[in-house]
Amino acid sequence: MVDFLLNYSLVNKTPITIMYQKGMEITQRNIRVIKITENLIQGYCYTRKTTRNFTKDNILAAMNTHLASSALADEVRKLNC
């Protein structure tokens, strides 16, 4: 699923949210993927406001916040009908 969302962000030029581990620290980052190599993801990090490199193995999870928000809105609409 993480690979799918990384590719989705690259192709659609859309931001995703990742959980990233560097050493003992785990952070949440909002990024837009620019380039994918075998081991690295280059992306614009909205948190740091610059281009950053992320080691693929250190990405613990990924979520498309736009799709998640849309799905939540759909569920709320269903409940209000």
PDB file of N, CA and C in Angstrom:
ATOM      1  N   MET A   1       0.813  -1.197   0.000  1.00  0.00           N
ATOM      2  CA  MET A   1       0.000   0.000   0.000  1.00  0.00           C
ATOM      3  C   MET A   1       0.857   1.263   0.000  1.00  0.00           C
ATOM      4  N   VAL A   2       1.964   1.232   0.725  1.00  0.00           N
ATOM      5  CA  VAL A   2       2.845   2.398   0.769  1.00  0.00           C
ATOM      6  C   VAL A   2       3.387   2.684  -0.631  1.00  0.00           C
ATOM      7  N   ASP A   3       3.855   1.645  -1.335  1.00  0.00           N
ATOM      8  CA  ASP A   3       4.384   1.837  -2.696  1.00  0.00           C
ATOM      9  C   ASP A   3       3.318   2.402  -3.619  1.00  0.00           C
ATOM     10  N   PHE A   4       2.088   1.914  -3.488  1.00  0.00           N
ATOM     11  CA  PHE A   4       0.996   2.414  -4.322  1.00  0.00           C
ATOM     12  C   PHE A   4       0.799   3.920  -4.103  1.00  0.00           C
ATOM     13  N   LEU A   5       0.760   4.347  -2.847  1.00  0.00           N
ATOM     14  CA  LEU A   5       0.533   5.761  -2.555  1.00  0.00           C
ATOM     15  C   LEU A   5       1.717   6.641  -2.950  1.00  0.00           C
ATOM     16  N   LEU A   6       2.927   6.117  -2.835  1.00  0.00           N
ATOM     17  CA  LEU A   6       4.094   6.877  -3.301  1.00  0.00           C
ATOM     18  C   LEU A   6       4.002   7.104  -4.806  1.00  0.00           C
ATOM     19  N   ASN A   7       3.661   6.057  -5.544  1.00  0.00           N
ATOM     20  CA  ASN A   7       3.504   6.181  -7.000  1.00  0.00           C
ATOM     21  C   ASN A   7       2.322   7.079  -7.352  1.00  0.00           C
ATOM     22  N   TYR A   8       1.242   6.965  -6.590  1.00  0.00           N
ATOM     23  CA  TYR A   8       0.063   7.819  -6.803  1.00  0.00           C
ATOM     24  C   TYR A   8       0.438   9.295  -6.663  1.00  0.00           C
ATOM     25  N   SER A   9       1.203   9.614  -5.640  1.00  0.00           N
ATOM     26  CA  SER A   9       1.632  10.994  -5.421  1.00  0.00           C
ATOM     27  C   SER A   9       2.526  11.470  -6.562  1.00  0.00           C
ATOM     28  N   LEU A  10       3.421  10.600  -7.024  1.00  0.00           N
ATOM     29  CA  LEU A  10       4.321  10.949  -8.120  1.00  0.00           C
ATOM     30  C   LEU A  10       3.544  11.234  -9.403  1.00  0.00           C
ATOM     31  N   VAL A  11       2.659  10.328  -9.771  1.00  0.00           N
ATOM     32  CA  VAL A  11       1.920  10.439 -11.035  1.00  0.00           C
ATOM     33  C   VAL A  11       0.922  11.597 -11.008  1.00  0.00           C
ATOM     34  N   ASN A  12       0.198  11.734  -9.900  1.00  0.00           N
ATOM     35  CA  ASN A  12      -0.861  12.741  -9.809  1.00  0.00           C
ATOM     36  C   ASN A  12      -0.414  14.069  -9.219  1.00  0.00           C
ATOM     37  N   LYS A  13       0.866  14.136  -8.826  1.00  0.00           N
ATOM     38  CA  LYS A  13       1.417  15.366  -8.229  1.00  0.00           C
ATOM     39  C   LYS A  13       0.548  15.862  -7.074  1.00  0.00           C
ATOM     40  N   THR A  14       0.171  14.924  -6.222  1.00  0.00           N
ATOM     41  CA  THR A  14      -0.699  15.238  -5.094  1.00  0.00           C
ATOM     42  C   THR A  14       0.007  14.907  -3.774  1.00  0.00           C
ATOM     43  N   PRO A  15      -0.242  15.672  -2.736  1.00  0.00           N
ATOM     44  CA  PRO A  15       0.396  15.403  -1.446  1.00  0.00           C
ATOM     45  C   PRO A  15      -0.157  14.145  -0.775  1.00  0.00           C
ATOM     46  N   ILE A  16       0.700  13.496  -0.026  1.00  0.00           N
ATOM     47  CA  ILE A  16       0.310  12.379   0.836  1.00  0.00           C
ATOM     48  C   ILE A  16       0.937  12.617   2.200  1.00  0.00           C
ATOM     49  N   THR A  17       0.451  11.906   3.185  1.00  0.00           N
ATOM     50  CA  THR A  17       1.021  11.975   4.534  1.00  0.00           C
ATOM     51  C   THR A  17       1.762  10.678   4.798  1.00  0.00           C
ATOM     52  N   ILE A  18       2.994  10.784   5.277  1.00  0.00           N
ATOM     53  CA  ILE A  18       3.768   9.599   5.623  1.00  0.00           C
ATOM     54  C   ILE A  18       4.152   9.653   7.104  1.00  0.00           C
ATOM     55  N   MET A  19       4.312   8.472   7.672  1.00  0.00           N
ATOM     56  CA  MET A  19       4.919   8.328   8.988  1.00  0.00           C
ATOM     57  C   MET A  19       6.341   7.862   8.709  1.00  0.00           C
ATOM     58  N   TYR A  20       7.318   8.614   9.198  1.00  0.00           N
ATOM     59  CA  TYR A  20       8.716   8.379   8.844  1.00  0.00           C
ATOM     60  C   TYR A  20       9.554   8.209  10.098  1.00  0.00           C
ATOM     61  N   GLN A  21      10.402   7.179  10.102  1.00  0.00           N
ATOM     62  CA  GLN A  21      11.268   6.926  11.244  1.00  0.00           C
ATOM     63  C   GLN A  21      12.710   7.223  10.871  1.00  0.00           C
ATOM     64  N   LYS A  22      13.326   8.074  11.679  1.00  0.00           N
ATOM     65  CA  LYS A  22      14.748   8.381  11.527  1.00  0.00           C
ATOM     66  C   LYS A  22      15.381   8.173  12.891  1.00  0.00           C
ATOM     67  N   GLY A  23      16.157   7.123  13.016  1.00  0.00           N
ATOM     68  CA  GLY A  23      16.721   6.764  14.313  1.00  0.00           C
ATOM     69  C   GLY A  23      15.593   6.325  15.238  1.00  0.00           C
ATOM     70  N   MET A  24      15.516   6.923  16.400  1.00  0.00           N
ATOM     71  CA  MET A  24      14.465   6.589  17.371  1.00  0.00           C
ATOM     72  C   MET A  24      13.258   7.518  17.255  1.00  0.00           C
ATOM     73  N   GLU A  25      13.331   8.484  16.349  1.00  0.00           N
ATOM     74  CA  GLU A  25      12.263   9.472  16.202  1.00  0.00           C
ATOM     75  C   GLU A  25      11.315   9.090  15.067  1.00  0.00           C
ATOM     76  N   ILE A  26      10.014   9.186  15.324  1.00  0.00           N
ATOM     77  CA  ILE A  26       8.997   8.963  14.303  1.00  0.00           C
ATOM     78  C   ILE A  26       8.256  10.274  14.098  1.00  0.00           C
ATOM     79  N   THR A  27       8.187  10.716  12.835  1.00  0.00           N
ATOM     80  CA  THR A  27       7.518  11.970  12.523  1.00  0.00           C
ATOM     81  C   THR A  27       6.455  11.744  11.460  1.00  0.00           C
ATOM     82  N   GLN A  28       5.517  12.644  11.418  1.00  0.00           N
ATOM     83  CA  GLN A  28       4.504  12.654  10.373  1.00  0.00           C
ATOM     84  C   GLN A  28       4.882  13.768   9.414  1.00  0.00           C
ATOM     85  N   ARG A  29       4.936  13.451   8.122  1.00  0.00           N
ATOM     86  CA  ARG A  29       5.316  14.440   7.117  1.00  0.00           C
ATOM     87  C   ARG A  29       4.279  14.486   6.009  1.00  0.00           C
ATOM     88  N   ASN A  30       3.960  15.662   5.549  1.00  0.00           N
ATOM     89  CA  ASN A  30       3.123  15.846   4.366  1.00  0.00           C
ATOM     90  C   ASN A  30       4.067  16.121   3.213  1.00  0.00           C
ATOM     91  N   ILE A  31       4.057  15.226   2.212  1.00  0.00           N
ATOM     92  CA  ILE A  31       4.992  15.346   1.102  1.00  0.00           C
ATOM     93  C   ILE A  31       4.283  15.191  -0.241  1.00  0.00           C
ATOM     94  N   ARG A  32       4.944  15.694  -1.280  1.00  0.00           N
ATOM     95  CA  ARG A  32       4.553  15.411  -2.657  1.00  0.00           C
ATOM     96  C   ARG A  32       5.769  14.773  -3.302  1.00  0.00           C
ATOM     97  N   VAL A  33       5.603  13.545  -3.793  1.00  0.00           N
ATOM     98  CA  VAL A  33       6.722  12.789  -4.339  1.00  0.00           C
ATOM     99  C   VAL A  33       7.167  13.398  -5.674  1.00  0.00           C
ATOM    100  N   ILE A  34       8.476  13.587  -5.800  1.00  0.00           N
ATOM    101  CA  ILE A  34       9.079  14.135  -7.013  1.00  0.00           C
ATOM    102  C   ILE A  34       9.783  13.038  -7.810  1.00  0.00           C
ATOM    103  N   LYS A  35      10.453  12.121  -7.099  1.00  0.00           N
ATOM    104  CA  LYS A  35      11.244  11.083  -7.762  1.00  0.00           C
ATOM    105  C   LYS A  35      11.305   9.856  -6.865  1.00  0.00           C
ATOM    106  N   ILE A  36      11.259   8.681  -7.501  1.00  0.00           N
ATOM    107  CA  ILE A  36      11.380   7.421  -6.770  1.00  0.00           C
ATOM    108  C   ILE A  36      12.544   6.632  -7.367  1.00  0.00           C
ATOM    109  N   THR A  37      13.475   6.216  -6.500  1.00  0.00           N
ATOM    110  CA  THR A  37      14.541   5.299  -6.915  1.00  0.00           C
ATOM    111  C   THR A  37      14.356   4.010  -6.116  1.00  0.00           C
ATOM    112  N   GLU A  38      15.278   3.091  -6.271  1.00  0.00           N
ATOM    113  CA  GLU A  38      15.151   1.804  -5.591  1.00  0.00           C
ATOM    114  C   GLU A  38      15.060   1.952  -4.070  1.00  0.00           C
ATOM    115  N   ASN A  39      15.862   2.858  -3.505  1.00  0.00           N
ATOM    116  CA  ASN A  39      15.934   2.984  -2.047  1.00  0.00           C
ATOM    117  C   ASN A  39      15.487   4.335  -1.503  1.00  0.00           C
ATOM    118  N   LEU A  40      15.373   5.339  -2.376  1.00  0.00           N
ATOM    119  CA  LEU A  40      15.073   6.690  -1.904  1.00  0.00           C
ATOM    120  C   LEU A  40      13.827   7.267  -2.549  1.00  0.00           C
ATOM    121  N   ILE A  41      13.163   8.104  -1.776  1.00  0.00           N
ATOM    122  CA  ILE A  41      12.041   8.901  -2.262  1.00  0.00           C
ATOM    123  C   ILE A  41      12.467  10.358  -2.130  1.00  0.00           C
ATOM    124  N   GLN A  42      12.434  11.072  -3.237  1.00  0.00           N
ATOM    125  CA  GLN A  42      12.677  12.510  -3.173  1.00  0.00           C
ATOM    126  C   GLN A  42      11.316  13.184  -3.236  1.00  0.00           C
ATOM    127  N   GLY A  43      11.068  14.067  -2.302  1.00  0.00           N
ATOM    128  CA  GLY A  43       9.776  14.732  -2.277  1.00  0.00           C
ATOM    129  C   GLY A  43       9.857  16.118  -1.681  1.00  0.00           C
ATOM    130  N   TYR A  44       8.868  16.922  -2.034  1.00  0.00           N
ATOM    131  CA  TYR A  44       8.755  18.231  -1.397  1.00  0.00           C
ATOM    132  C   TYR A  44       8.053  18.015  -0.070  1.00  0.00           C
ATOM    133  N   CYS A  45       8.706  18.407   1.008  1.00  0.00           N
ATOM    134  CA  CYS A  45       8.160  18.248   2.351  1.00  0.00           C
ATOM    135  C   CYS A  45       7.476  19.555   2.757  1.00  0.00           C
ATOM    136  N   TYR A  46       6.157  19.488   2.911  1.00  0.00           N
ATOM    137  CA  TYR A  46       5.399  20.680   3.306  1.00  0.00           C
ATOM    138  C   TYR A  46       5.678  21.057   4.759  1.00  0.00           C
ATOM    139  N   THR A  47       6.116  20.098   5.556  1.00  0.00           N
ATOM    140  CA  THR A  47       6.455  20.368   6.949  1.00  0.00           C
ATOM    141  C   THR A  47       7.720  21.222   7.040  1.00  0.00           C
ATOM    142  N   ARG A  48       8.759  20.817   6.294  1.00  0.00           N
ATOM    143  CA  ARG A  48      10.043  21.523   6.313  1.00  0.00           C
ATOM    144  C   ARG A  48      10.140  22.622   5.252  1.00  0.00           C
ATOM    145  N   LYS A  49       9.170  22.632   4.319  1.00  0.00           N
ATOM    146  CA  LYS A  49       9.111  23.622   3.234  1.00  0.00           C
ATOM    147  C   LYS A  49      10.356  23.584   2.343  1.00  0.00           C
ATOM    148  N   THR A  50      10.792  22.376   2.008  1.00  0.00           N
ATOM    149  CA  THR A  50      11.938  22.175   1.130  1.00  0.00           C
ATOM    150  C   THR A  50      11.918  20.750   0.577  1.00  0.00           C
ATOM    151  N   THR A  51      12.734  20.512  -0.430  1.00  0.00           N
ATOM    152  CA  THR A  51      12.865  19.174  -0.990  1.00  0.00           C
ATOM    153  C   THR A  51      13.711  18.324  -0.051  1.00  0.00           C
ATOM    154  N   ARG A  52      13.244  17.096   0.226  1.00  0.00           N
ATOM    155  CA  ARG A  52      13.944  16.193   1.144  1.00  0.00           C
ATOM    156  C   ARG A  52      14.044  14.807   0.514  1.00  0.00           C
ATOM    157  N   ASN A  53      15.019  14.039   0.979  1.00  0.00           N
ATOM    158  CA  ASN A  53      15.154  12.642   0.584  1.00  0.00           C
ATOM    159  C   ASN A  53      14.738  11.760   1.745  1.00  0.00           C
ATOM    160  N   PHE A  54      13.934  10.751   1.437  1.00  0.00           N
ATOM    161  CA  PHE A  54      13.440   9.821   2.450  1.00  0.00           C
ATOM    162  C   PHE A  54      13.866   8.412   2.068  1.00  0.00           C
ATOM    163  N   THR A  55      14.474   7.693   3.002  1.00  0.00           N
ATOM    164  CA  THR A  55      14.826   6.304   2.772  1.00  0.00           C
ATOM    165  C   THR A  55      13.534   5.487   2.764  1.00  0.00           C
ATOM    166  N   LYS A  56      13.349   4.723   1.687  1.00  0.00           N
ATOM    167  CA  LYS A  56      12.099   3.984   1.502  1.00  0.00           C
ATOM    168  C   LYS A  56      11.797   3.057   2.686  1.00  0.00           C
ATOM    169  N   ASP A  57      12.811   2.375   3.195  1.00  0.00           N
ATOM    170  CA  ASP A  57      12.609   1.433   4.303  1.00  0.00           C
ATOM    171  C   ASP A  57      12.181   2.118   5.601  1.00  0.00           C
ATOM    172  N   ASN A  58      12.401   3.433   5.705  1.00  0.00           N
ATOM    173  CA  ASN A  58      12.039   4.159   6.918  1.00  0.00           C
ATOM    174  C   ASN A  58      10.629   4.736   6.879  1.00  0.00           C
ATOM    175  N   ILE A  59       9.935   4.555   5.754  1.00  0.00           N
ATOM    176  CA  ILE A  59       8.543   5.005   5.657  1.00  0.00           C
ATOM    177  C   ILE A  59       7.668   3.908   6.246  1.00  0.00           C
ATOM    178  N   LEU A  60       7.080   4.184   7.394  1.00  0.00           N
ATOM    179  CA  LEU A  60       6.301   3.183   8.122  1.00  0.00           C
ATOM    180  C   LEU A  60       4.878   3.057   7.605  1.00  0.00           C
ATOM    181  N   ALA A  61       4.312   4.158   7.124  1.00  0.00           N
ATOM    182  CA  ALA A  61       2.926   4.158   6.645  1.00  0.00           C
ATOM    183  C   ALA A  61       2.732   5.366   5.742  1.00  0.00           C
ATOM    184  N   ALA A  62       1.698   5.270   4.903  1.00  0.00           N
ATOM    185  CA  ALA A  62       1.358   6.396   4.030  1.00  0.00           C
ATOM    186  C   ALA A  62      -0.151   6.471   3.901  1.00  0.00           C
ATOM    187  N   MET A  63      -0.642   7.700   3.756  1.00  0.00           N
ATOM    188  CA  MET A  63      -2.085   7.911   3.632  1.00  0.00           C
ATOM    189  C   MET A  63      -2.329   9.085   2.691  1.00  0.00           C
ATOM    190  N   ASN A  64      -3.306   8.929   1.830  1.00  0.00           N
ATOM    191  CA  ASN A  64      -3.723  10.027   0.974  1.00  0.00           C
ATOM    192  C   ASN A  64      -4.780  10.797   1.753  1.00  0.00           C
ATOM    193  N   THR A  65      -4.402  11.928   2.288  1.00  0.00           N
ATOM    194  CA  THR A  65      -5.316  12.679   3.155  1.00  0.00           C
ATOM    195  C   THR A  65      -6.513  13.204   2.383  1.00  0.00           C
ATOM    196  N   HIS A  66      -6.337  13.516   1.104  1.00  0.00           N
ATOM    197  CA  HIS A  66      -7.461  13.990   0.293  1.00  0.00           C
ATOM    198  C   HIS A  66      -8.497  12.880   0.120  1.00  0.00           C
ATOM    199  N   LEU A  67      -8.042  11.672  -0.217  1.00  0.00           N
ATOM    200  CA  LEU A  67      -8.979  10.556  -0.375  1.00  0.00           C
ATOM    201  C   LEU A  67      -9.622  10.186   0.948  1.00  0.00           C
ATOM    202  N   ALA A  68      -8.845  10.232   2.030  1.00  0.00           N
ATOM    203  CA  ALA A  68      -9.394   9.912   3.344  1.00  0.00           C
ATOM    204  C   ALA A  68     -10.462  10.919   3.734  1.00  0.00           C
ATOM    205  N   SER A  69     -10.242  12.193   3.460  1.00  0.00           N
ATOM    206  CA  SER A  69     -11.232  13.224   3.764  1.00  0.00           C
ATOM    207  C   SER A  69     -12.480  13.043   2.919  1.00  0.00           C
ATOM    208  N   SER A  70     -12.298  12.688   1.649  1.00  0.00           N
ATOM    209  CA  SER A  70     -13.443  12.461   0.768  1.00  0.00           C
ATOM    210  C   SER A  70     -14.264  11.271   1.232  1.00  0.00           C
ATOM    211  N   ALA A  71     -13.584  10.200   1.637  1.00  0.00           N
ATOM    212  CA  ALA A  71     -14.286   9.010   2.118  1.00  0.00           C
ATOM    213  C   ALA A  71     -15.056   9.318   3.389  1.00  0.00           C
ATOM    214  N   LEU A  72     -14.468  10.095   4.287  1.00  0.00           N
ATOM    215  CA  LEU A  72     -15.146  10.478   5.520  1.00  0.00           C
ATOM    216  C   LEU A  72     -16.368  11.334   5.204  1.00  0.00           C
ATOM    217  N   ALA A  73     -16.220  12.264   4.285  1.00  0.00           N
ATOM    218  CA  ALA A  73     -17.357  13.122   3.903  1.00  0.00           C
ATOM    219  C   ALA A  73     -18.473  12.275   3.304  1.00  0.00           C
ATOM    220  N   ASP A  74     -18.130  11.278   2.504  1.00  0.00           N
ATOM    221  CA  ASP A  74     -19.150  10.379   1.931  1.00  0.00           C
ATOM    222  C   ASP A  74     -19.900   9.638   3.026  1.00  0.00           C
ATOM    223  N   GLU A  75     -19.188   9.165   4.026  1.00  0.00           N
ATOM    224  CA  GLU A  75     -19.816   8.441   5.136  1.00  0.00           C
ATOM    225  C   GLU A  75     -20.745   9.350   5.926  1.00  0.00           C
ATOM    226  N   VAL A  76     -20.327  10.586   6.159  1.00  0.00           N
ATOM    227  CA  VAL A  76     -21.168  11.550   6.880  1.00  0.00           C
ATOM    228  C   VAL A  76     -22.427  11.838   6.080  1.00  0.00           C
ATOM    229  N   ARG A  77     -22.288  12.009   4.756  1.00  0.00           N
ATOM    230  CA  ARG A  77     -23.466  12.237   3.910  1.00  0.00           C
ATOM    231  C   ARG A  77     -24.444  11.079   3.995  1.00  0.00           C
ATOM    232  N   LYS A  78     -23.938   9.855   4.014  1.00  0.00           N
ATOM    233  CA  LYS A  78     -24.795   8.668   4.105  1.00  0.00           C
ATOM    234  C   LYS A  78     -25.569   8.674   5.414  1.00  0.00           C
ATOM    235  N   LEU A  79     -24.907   9.076   6.497  1.00  0.00           N
ATOM    236  CA  LEU A  79     -25.555   9.087   7.801  1.00  0.00           C
ATOM    237  C   LEU A  79     -26.626  10.172   7.884  1.00  0.00           C
ATOM    238  N   ASN A  80     -26.446  11.261   7.180  1.00  0.00           N
ATOM    239  CA  ASN A  80     -27.389  12.375   7.224  1.00  0.00           C
ATOM    240  C   ASN A  80     -28.589  12.202   6.293  1.00  0.00           C
ATOM    241  N   CYS A  81     -28.567  11.159   5.447  1.00  0.00           N
ATOM    242  CA  CYS A  81     -29.667  10.961   4.500  1.00  0.00           C
ATOM    243  C   CYS A  81     -30.904  10.400   5.137  1.00  0.00           C
TER     244      CYS A  81
END
